[in-house]
């Protein structure tokens, strides 16, 4: 486990038209390096489409929280695959091949 965070969502702010199949909501979370004045460093808002982001549509902010624990490594997902931000070199697996 890389990071454990706790957030509090204001469900009265959820745009019900964004619910998928009436019960799922895609969220985007931001984890910042620095704490705000309330000791929070995690923010949550309804996910936006590429077009909404490019048009600079205002995010529907739903809540915030804080990181409770981290192992200090950040994993990247999606198309980039599982990678870490640490600078440990990846060994060349071809150097011990018999050919």
Foldseek 3Di string as FASTA:
>chain_A
DFWAWDKDFDVVLDDQVQADVRHDFAKDKFADPDADPVRWRIWIFGDDDPVCVVVVPDTSTTITTHIPDGPPWDFDDDPVHTDTPDPDDDDDPPPPDPD
